[in-house]
Amino acid sequence: MQKQYPVPNFFVLEGLDGAGTTTQLQLIARRAAEEQLPVSCTFEPTDNPVGRLIRQVLGKNIALSGATLSYLFAADRHEHVFGISGIMEILQQSSTVVCDRYLFSSLAYQSLSADIRHIAELNREFPLPETVFFLDTPVLVCESRRKNRVNEELFENQSVQEKVAAGYRQAFDLFAGSGMEILTIDGTLPPEKIHEKIWKRIGVMPIVKE
């Protein structure tokens, strides 16, 4: 088990490519804005310089080794979590943070080309979320959804995604007993139903103005 602990009001969306995590982040952001609730929605890789470099690799515009990519993800995450206006700073301001992908994606994806224990070590300093929402969506369903995308990214093919699914199971096993909740949701449900399950668990309360 990793010696990391969950942080209150921090939530993460995880799943295969095409599972629907981005859709759920958009629904959460929209609802929070409509109801004027203190929710910060973010994602990984980020829009920071390192995150943009990672996206170039994922888009097959730059070729890097799997090991190098693992270090880039950790560097991008370090700035995302501990940097100026990062996740920890936002949480200290009594806001809720919801992130589309986090260290669990690194464990599931980067362990395809490296030992998962090595990836875990690279990510050992990062706090855990209170809850991970894992959108359990079959590989073939995800593949069907991705057909609408213009370009196929680095990990977006059926055989790789099957391995990633197994990688997620390994990743979550590392945190057994950590106190972090892993909530598995049927990713084939209509997006609105998935959203309600997530929103109910987040339980965001409005800021009371004095």
C-alpha atoms as a PDB file:
ATOM      1  CA  MET A   1       0.000   0.000   0.000  1.00  0.00           C
ATOM      2  CA  GLN A   2       1.176   3.516  -0.814  1.00  0.00           C
ATOM      3  CA  LYS A   3       1.684   5.748   2.241  1.00  0.00           C
ATOM      4  CA  GLN A   4      -0.489   8.561   0.916  1.00  0.00           C
ATOM      5  CA  TYR A   5      -3.642   9.955   2.432  1.00  0.00           C
ATOM      6  CA  PRO A   6      -6.868  11.447   1.064  1.00  0.00           C
ATOM      7  CA  VAL A   7      -7.578  15.171   1.167  1.00  0.00           C
ATOM      8  CA  PRO A   8     -11.164  16.352   1.855  1.00  0.00           C
ATOM      9  CA  ASN A   9     -13.084  18.053  -0.962  1.00  0.00           C
ATOM     10  CA  PHE A  10     -10.737  16.737  -3.653  1.00  0.00           C
ATOM     11  CA  PHE A  11     -12.340  14.448  -6.235  1.00  0.00           C
ATOM     12  CA  VAL A  12     -10.967  12.702  -9.320  1.00  0.00           C
ATOM     13  CA  LEU A  13     -12.589  11.278 -12.462  1.00  0.00           C
ATOM     14  CA  GLU A  14     -10.876   8.275 -14.035  1.00  0.00           C
ATOM     15  CA  GLY A  15     -11.541   5.834 -16.863  1.00  0.00           C
ATOM     16  CA  LEU A  16     -10.358   4.576 -20.225  1.00  0.00           C
ATOM     17  CA  ASP A  17     -10.089   6.869 -23.233  1.00  0.00           C
ATOM     18  CA  GLY A  18     -13.699   7.413 -24.232  1.00  0.00           C
ATOM     19  CA  ALA A  19     -15.105   6.470 -20.812  1.00  0.00           C
ATOM     20  CA  GLY A  20     -16.757   9.879 -20.436  1.00  0.00           C
ATOM     21  CA  THR A  21     -14.622  11.653 -17.830  1.00  0.00           C
ATOM     22  CA  THR A  22     -14.349  14.869 -19.849  1.00  0.00           C
ATOM     23  CA  THR A  23     -18.111  14.966 -20.366  1.00  0.00           C
ATOM     24  CA  GLN A  24     -18.642  14.592 -16.621  1.00  0.00           C
ATOM     25  CA  LEU A  25     -16.169  17.373 -15.824  1.00  0.00           C
ATOM     26  CA  GLN A  26     -18.047  19.669 -18.207  1.00  0.00           C
ATOM     27  CA  LEU A  27     -21.390  18.825 -16.578  1.00  0.00           C
ATOM     28  CA  ILE A  28     -19.971  19.489 -13.110  1.00  0.00           C
ATOM     29  CA  ALA A  29     -18.459  22.813 -14.198  1.00  0.00           C
ATOM     30  CA  ARG A  30     -21.712  23.903 -15.802  1.00  0.00           C
ATOM     31  CA  ARG A  31     -23.824  23.008 -12.774  1.00  0.00           C
ATOM     32  CA  ALA A  32     -21.443  24.636 -10.338  1.00  0.00           C
ATOM     33  CA  ALA A  33     -21.537  27.845 -12.391  1.00  0.00           C
ATOM     34  CA  GLU A  34     -25.330  27.812 -12.630  1.00  0.00           C
ATOM     35  CA  GLU A  35     -25.725  27.256  -8.888  1.00  0.00           C
ATOM     36  CA  GLN A  36     -22.813  29.574  -8.028  1.00  0.00           C
ATOM     37  CA  LEU A  37     -21.004  26.932  -6.008  1.00  0.00           C
ATOM     38  CA  PRO A  38     -17.285  26.947  -5.063  1.00  0.00           C
ATOM     39  CA  VAL A  39     -16.098  24.186  -7.399  1.00  0.00           C
ATOM     40  CA  SER A  40     -12.857  24.319  -9.350  1.00  0.00           C
ATOM     41  CA  CYS A  41     -12.690  21.935 -12.323  1.00  0.00           C
ATOM     42  CA  THR A  42      -9.299  20.989 -13.693  1.00  0.00           C
ATOM     43  CA  PHE A  43      -7.584  18.250 -15.692  1.00  0.00           C
ATOM     44  CA  GLU A  44      -4.361  16.417 -16.485  1.00  0.00           C
ATOM     45  CA  PRO A  45      -2.269  16.784 -18.513  1.00  0.00           C
ATOM     46  CA  THR A  46      -2.610  20.487 -17.697  1.00  0.00           C
ATOM     47  CA  ASP A  47      -2.341  23.549 -19.925  1.00  0.00           C
ATOM     48  CA  ASN A  48       0.976  24.389 -18.287  1.00  0.00           C
ATOM     49  CA  PRO A  49       4.157  24.185 -20.428  1.00  0.00           C
ATOM     50  CA  VAL A  50       4.969  20.610 -19.386  1.00  0.00           C
ATOM     51  CA  GLY A  51       1.362  19.564 -19.887  1.00  0.00           C
ATOM     52  CA  ARG A  52       1.362  21.006 -23.386  1.00  0.00           C
ATOM     53  CA  LEU A  53       4.519  19.040 -24.171  1.00  0.00           C
ATOM     54  CA  ILE A  54       2.809  15.859 -22.945  1.00  0.00           C
ATOM     55  CA  ARG A  55      -0.133  16.544 -25.242  1.00  0.00           C
ATOM     56  CA  GLN A  56       2.274  16.783 -28.156  1.00  0.00           C
ATOM     57  CA  VAL A  57       3.567  13.323 -27.263  1.00  0.00           C
ATOM     58  CA  LEU A  58       0.055  11.908 -26.867  1.00  0.00           C
ATOM     59  CA  GLY A  59      -0.871  13.404 -30.227  1.00  0.00           C
ATOM     60  CA  LYS A  60       2.115  11.580 -31.788  1.00  0.00           C
ATOM     61  CA  ASN A  61       3.759  14.853 -32.805  1.00  0.00           C
ATOM     62  CA  ILE A  62       6.786  14.154 -30.602  1.00  0.00           C
ATOM     63  CA  ALA A  63       8.302  10.748 -29.862  1.00  0.00           C
ATOM     64  CA  LEU A  64       9.630  10.123 -26.343  1.00  0.00           C
ATOM     65  CA  SER A  65      10.338   6.965 -24.388  1.00  0.00           C
ATOM     66  CA  GLY A  66       7.762   5.696 -21.928  1.00  0.00           C
ATOM     67  CA  ALA A  67      10.165   6.373 -19.057  1.00  0.00           C
ATOM     68  CA  THR A  68      10.613  10.004 -20.091  1.00  0.00           C
ATOM     69  CA  LEU A  69       6.855  10.427 -20.385  1.00  0.00           C
ATOM     70  CA  SER A  70       6.449   9.115 -16.817  1.00  0.00           C
ATOM     71  CA  TYR A  71       8.757  11.827 -15.497  1.00  0.00           C
ATOM     72  CA  LEU A  72       6.960  14.492 -17.524  1.00  0.00           C
ATOM     73  CA  PHE A  73       3.606  13.504 -16.064  1.00  0.00           C
ATOM     74  CA  ALA A  74       5.059  13.673 -12.543  1.00  0.00           C
ATOM     75  CA  ALA A  75       6.567  17.103 -13.239  1.00  0.00           C
ATOM     76  CA  ASP A  76       3.303  18.419 -14.670  1.00  0.00           C
ATOM     77  CA  ARG A  77       1.437  17.029 -11.649  1.00  0.00           C
ATOM     78  CA  HIS A  78       3.847  18.613  -9.184  1.00  0.00           C
ATOM     79  CA  GLU A  79       3.146  22.068 -10.597  1.00  0.00           C
ATOM     80  CA  HIS A  80      -0.557  21.289 -10.815  1.00  0.00           C
ATOM     81  CA  VAL A  81      -0.792  20.247  -7.168  1.00  0.00           C
ATOM     82  CA  PHE A  82       1.783  22.399  -5.396  1.00  0.00           C
ATOM     83  CA  GLY A  83       2.332  25.341  -7.748  1.00  0.00           C
ATOM     84  CA  ILE A  84       0.846  28.842  -7.607  1.00  0.00           C
ATOM     85  CA  SER A  85      -2.964  28.568  -7.826  1.00  0.00           C
ATOM     86  CA  GLY A  86      -2.530  24.799  -7.717  1.00  0.00           C
ATOM     87  CA  ILE A  87      -4.881  22.214  -6.264  1.00  0.00           C
ATOM     88  CA  MET A  88      -3.605  22.495  -2.686  1.00  0.00           C
ATOM     89  CA  GLU A  89      -3.917  26.279  -2.705  1.00  0.00           C
ATOM     90  CA  ILE A  90      -7.455  26.087  -4.062  1.00  0.00           C
ATOM     91  CA  LEU A  91      -8.468  23.557  -1.402  1.00  0.00           C
ATOM     92  CA  GLN A  92      -7.129  25.852   1.313  1.00  0.00           C
ATOM     93  CA  GLN A  93      -9.554  28.498   0.057  1.00  0.00           C
ATOM     94  CA  SER A  94     -12.508  26.261   1.059  1.00  0.00           C
ATOM     95  CA  SER A  95     -13.263  25.281  -2.507  1.00  0.00           C
ATOM     96  CA  THR A  96     -13.977  21.835  -3.921  1.00  0.00           C
ATOM     97  CA  VAL A  97     -11.638  20.556  -6.647  1.00  0.00           C
ATOM     98  CA  VAL A  98     -12.664  18.039  -9.309  1.00  0.00           C
ATOM     99  CA  CYS A  99      -9.906  16.760 -11.600  1.00  0.00           C
ATOM    100  CA  ASP A 100     -10.263  14.853 -14.860  1.00  0.00           C
ATOM    101  CA  ARG A 101      -7.450  12.262 -14.503  1.00  0.00           C
ATOM    102  CA  TYR A 102      -4.745  12.199 -11.858  1.00  0.00           C
ATOM    103  CA  LEU A 103      -1.949   9.920 -10.653  1.00  0.00           C
ATOM    104  CA  PHE A 104      -4.091   6.815 -11.233  1.00  0.00           C
ATOM    105  CA  SER A 105      -3.928   7.459 -14.966  1.00  0.00           C
ATOM    106  CA  SER A 106      -0.137   7.540 -14.702  1.00  0.00           C
ATOM    107  CA  LEU A 107      -0.140   4.212 -12.876  1.00  0.00           C
ATOM    108  CA  ALA A 108      -2.486   2.607 -15.408  1.00  0.00           C
ATOM    109  CA  TYR A 109      -0.928   4.008 -18.576  1.00  0.00           C
ATOM    110  CA  GLN A 110       2.760   4.426 -17.805  1.00  0.00           C
ATOM    111  CA  SER A 111       2.971   0.959 -16.259  1.00  0.00           C
ATOM    112  CA  LEU A 112       2.552  -0.348 -19.819  1.00  0.00           C
ATOM    113  CA  SER A 113       6.231   0.434 -20.366  1.00  0.00           C
ATOM    114  CA  ALA A 114       7.609   0.556 -16.806  1.00  0.00           C
ATOM    115  CA  ASP A 115       7.232  -1.249 -13.488  1.00  0.00           C
ATOM    116  CA  ILE A 116       4.145   0.044 -11.707  1.00  0.00           C
ATOM    117  CA  ARG A 117       6.146   0.282  -8.478  1.00  0.00           C
ATOM    118  CA  HIS A 118       8.514   2.721 -10.184  1.00  0.00           C
ATOM    119  CA  ILE A 119       5.586   4.850 -11.360  1.00  0.00           C
ATOM    120  CA  ALA A 120       4.125   4.746  -7.845  1.00  0.00           C
ATOM    121  CA  GLU A 121       7.438   5.969  -6.434  1.00  0.00           C
ATOM    122  CA  LEU A 122       7.464   8.911  -8.845  1.00  0.00           C
ATOM    123  CA  ASN A 123       4.006   9.864  -7.562  1.00  0.00           C
ATOM    124  CA  ARG A 124       4.413   9.087  -3.864  1.00  0.00           C
ATOM    125  CA  GLU A 125       4.404  12.725  -2.687  1.00  0.00           C
ATOM    126  CA  PHE A 126       1.032  13.611  -4.176  1.00  0.00           C
ATOM    127  CA  PRO A 127      -2.086  13.686  -1.962  1.00  0.00           C
ATOM    128  CA  LEU A 128      -4.946  11.321  -2.678  1.00  0.00           C
ATOM    129  CA  PRO A 129      -8.446  12.528  -3.471  1.00  0.00           C
ATOM    130  CA  GLU A 130     -11.301  11.977  -1.064  1.00  0.00           C
ATOM    131  CA  THR A 131     -13.060   9.947  -3.773  1.00  0.00           C
ATOM    132  CA  VAL A 132     -12.122   8.556  -7.178  1.00  0.00           C
ATOM    133  CA  PHE A 133     -15.047   8.141  -9.553  1.00  0.00           C
ATOM    134  CA  PHE A 134     -14.058   5.346 -11.923  1.00  0.00           C
ATOM    135  CA  LEU A 135     -16.279   5.265 -14.998  1.00  0.00           C
ATOM    136  CA  ASP A 136     -16.321   1.567 -15.770  1.00  0.00           C
ATOM    137  CA  THR A 137     -16.900   1.582 -19.516  1.00  0.00           C
ATOM    138  CA  PRO A 138     -16.207  -1.496 -21.693  1.00  0.00           C
ATOM    139  CA  VAL A 139     -13.258  -1.232 -24.056  1.00  0.00           C
ATOM    140  CA  LEU A 140     -15.430  -1.738 -27.152  1.00  0.00           C
ATOM    141  CA  VAL A 141     -17.875   0.978 -26.043  1.00  0.00           C
ATOM    142  CA  CYS A 142     -14.981   3.384 -25.546  1.00  0.00           C
ATOM    143  CA  GLU A 143     -13.598   2.466 -28.956  1.00  0.00           C
ATOM    144  CA  SER A 144     -16.962   3.175 -30.576  1.00  0.00           C
ATOM    145  CA  ARG A 145     -17.122   6.601 -28.919  1.00  0.00           C
ATOM    146  CA  ARG A 146     -13.604   7.478 -30.051  1.00  0.00           C
ATOM    147  CA  LYS A 147     -14.495   6.942 -33.712  1.00  0.00           C
ATOM    148  CA  ASN A 148     -15.843  10.495 -33.776  1.00  0.00           C
ATOM    149  CA  ARG A 149     -12.437  11.901 -32.886  1.00  0.00           C
ATOM    150  CA  VAL A 150     -10.322  13.373 -35.668  1.00  0.00           C
ATOM    151  CA  ASN A 151      -6.995  11.838 -34.662  1.00  0.00           C
ATOM    152  CA  GLU A 152      -6.121   8.724 -32.678  1.00  0.00           C
ATOM    153  CA  GLU A 153      -3.843   9.449 -29.716  1.00  0.00           C
ATOM    154  CA  LEU A 154      -0.915   7.380 -28.531  1.00  0.00           C
ATOM    155  CA  PHE A 155      -2.788   4.923 -26.310  1.00  0.00           C
ATOM    156  CA  GLU A 156      -6.088   4.841 -28.182  1.00  0.00           C
ATOM    157  CA  ASN A 157      -6.390   1.341 -29.605  1.00  0.00           C
ATOM    158  CA  GLN A 158      -8.259  -1.692 -28.343  1.00  0.00           C
ATOM    159  CA  SER A 159      -5.344  -3.906 -27.307  1.00  0.00           C
ATOM    160  CA  VAL A 160      -3.650  -1.092 -25.368  1.00  0.00           C
ATOM    161  CA  GLN A 161      -6.882  -0.077 -23.674  1.00  0.00           C
ATOM    162  CA  GLU A 162      -7.454  -3.640 -22.477  1.00  0.00           C
ATOM    163  CA  LYS A 163      -4.061  -3.500 -20.783  1.00  0.00           C
ATOM    164  CA  VAL A 164      -4.876  -0.077 -19.330  1.00  0.00           C
ATOM    165  CA  ALA A 165      -8.056  -1.496 -17.798  1.00  0.00           C
ATOM    166  CA  ALA A 166      -5.955  -4.109 -16.028  1.00  0.00           C
ATOM    167  CA  GLY A 167      -3.517  -1.358 -15.034  1.00  0.00           C
ATOM    168  CA  TYR A 168      -6.291   0.548 -13.296  1.00  0.00           C
ATOM    169  CA  ARG A 169      -7.141  -2.498 -11.192  1.00  0.00           C
ATOM    170  CA  GLN A 170      -3.509  -2.771 -10.141  1.00  0.00           C
ATOM    171  CA  ALA A 171      -3.345   0.940  -9.433  1.00  0.00           C
ATOM    172  CA  PHE A 172      -6.348   0.954  -7.135  1.00  0.00           C
ATOM    173  CA  ASP A 173      -5.046  -2.109  -5.289  1.00  0.00           C
ATOM    174  CA  LEU A 174      -1.984  -0.091  -4.278  1.00  0.00           C
ATOM    175  CA  PHE A 175      -4.174   2.187  -2.161  1.00  0.00           C
ATOM    176  CA  ALA A 176      -6.188  -0.430  -0.300  1.00  0.00           C
ATOM    177  CA  GLY A 177      -6.599   0.717   3.293  1.00  0.00           C
ATOM    178  CA  SER A 178      -5.583   4.319   2.539  1.00  0.00           C
ATOM    179  CA  GLY A 179      -9.007   5.703   3.416  1.00  0.00           C
ATOM    180  CA  MET A 180      -9.603   6.880  -0.142  1.00  0.00           C
ATOM    181  CA  GLU A 181     -12.993   5.932  -1.571  1.00  0.00           C
ATOM    182  CA  ILE A 182     -13.129   4.341  -5.021  1.00  0.00           C
ATOM    183  CA  LEU A 183     -16.624   4.617  -6.444  1.00  0.00           C
ATOM    184  CA  THR A 184     -17.131   2.557  -9.599  1.00  0.00           C
ATOM    185  CA  ILE A 185     -19.936   3.818 -11.852  1.00  0.00           C
ATOM    186  CA  ASP A 186     -21.389   2.081 -14.904  1.00  0.00           C
ATOM    187  CA  GLY A 187     -19.995   4.201 -17.736  1.00  0.00           C
ATOM    188  CA  THR A 188     -22.696   3.033 -20.156  1.00  0.00           C
ATOM    189  CA  LEU A 189     -25.411   4.875 -18.232  1.00  0.00           C
ATOM    190  CA  PRO A 190     -26.729   8.123 -19.738  1.00  0.00           C
ATOM    191  CA  PRO A 191     -24.359  11.007 -18.900  1.00  0.00           C
ATOM    192  CA  GLU A 192     -27.038  12.788 -16.867  1.00  0.00           C
ATOM    193  CA  LYS A 193     -27.518   9.773 -14.586  1.00  0.00           C
ATOM    194  CA  ILE A 194     -23.786   9.429 -14.080  1.00  0.00           C
ATOM    195  CA  HIS A 195     -23.620  13.128 -13.272  1.00  0.00           C
ATOM    196  CA  GLU A 196     -26.297  12.828 -10.594  1.00  0.00           C
ATOM    197  CA  LYS A 197     -24.426   9.981  -8.910  1.00  0.00           C
ATOM    198  CA  ILE A 198     -21.234  12.019  -8.873  1.00  0.00           C
ATOM    199  CA  TRP A 199     -22.892  15.272  -7.822  1.00  0.00           C
ATOM    200  CA  LYS A 200     -24.687  13.618  -4.933  1.00  0.00           C
ATOM    201  CA  ARG A 201     -21.417  12.228  -3.596  1.00  0.00           C
ATOM    202  CA  ILE A 202     -19.533  15.506  -3.951  1.00  0.00           C
ATOM    203  CA  GLY A 203     -22.211  17.297  -1.909  1.00  0.00           C
ATOM    204  CA  VAL A 204     -21.065  20.839  -2.613  1.00  0.00           C
ATOM    205  CA  MET A 205     -22.487  23.406  -0.234  1.00  0.00           C
ATOM    206  CA  PRO A 206     -23.008  27.052  -1.199  1.00  0.00           C
ATOM    207  CA  ILE A 207     -20.848  29.707   0.450  1.00  0.00           C
ATOM    208  CA  VAL A 208     -22.780  31.477   3.171  1.00  0.00           C
ATOM    209  CA  LYS A 209     -22.308  35.220   2.802  1.00  0.00           C
ATOM    210  CA  GLU A 210     -22.140  37.178   6.060  1.00  0.00           C
END
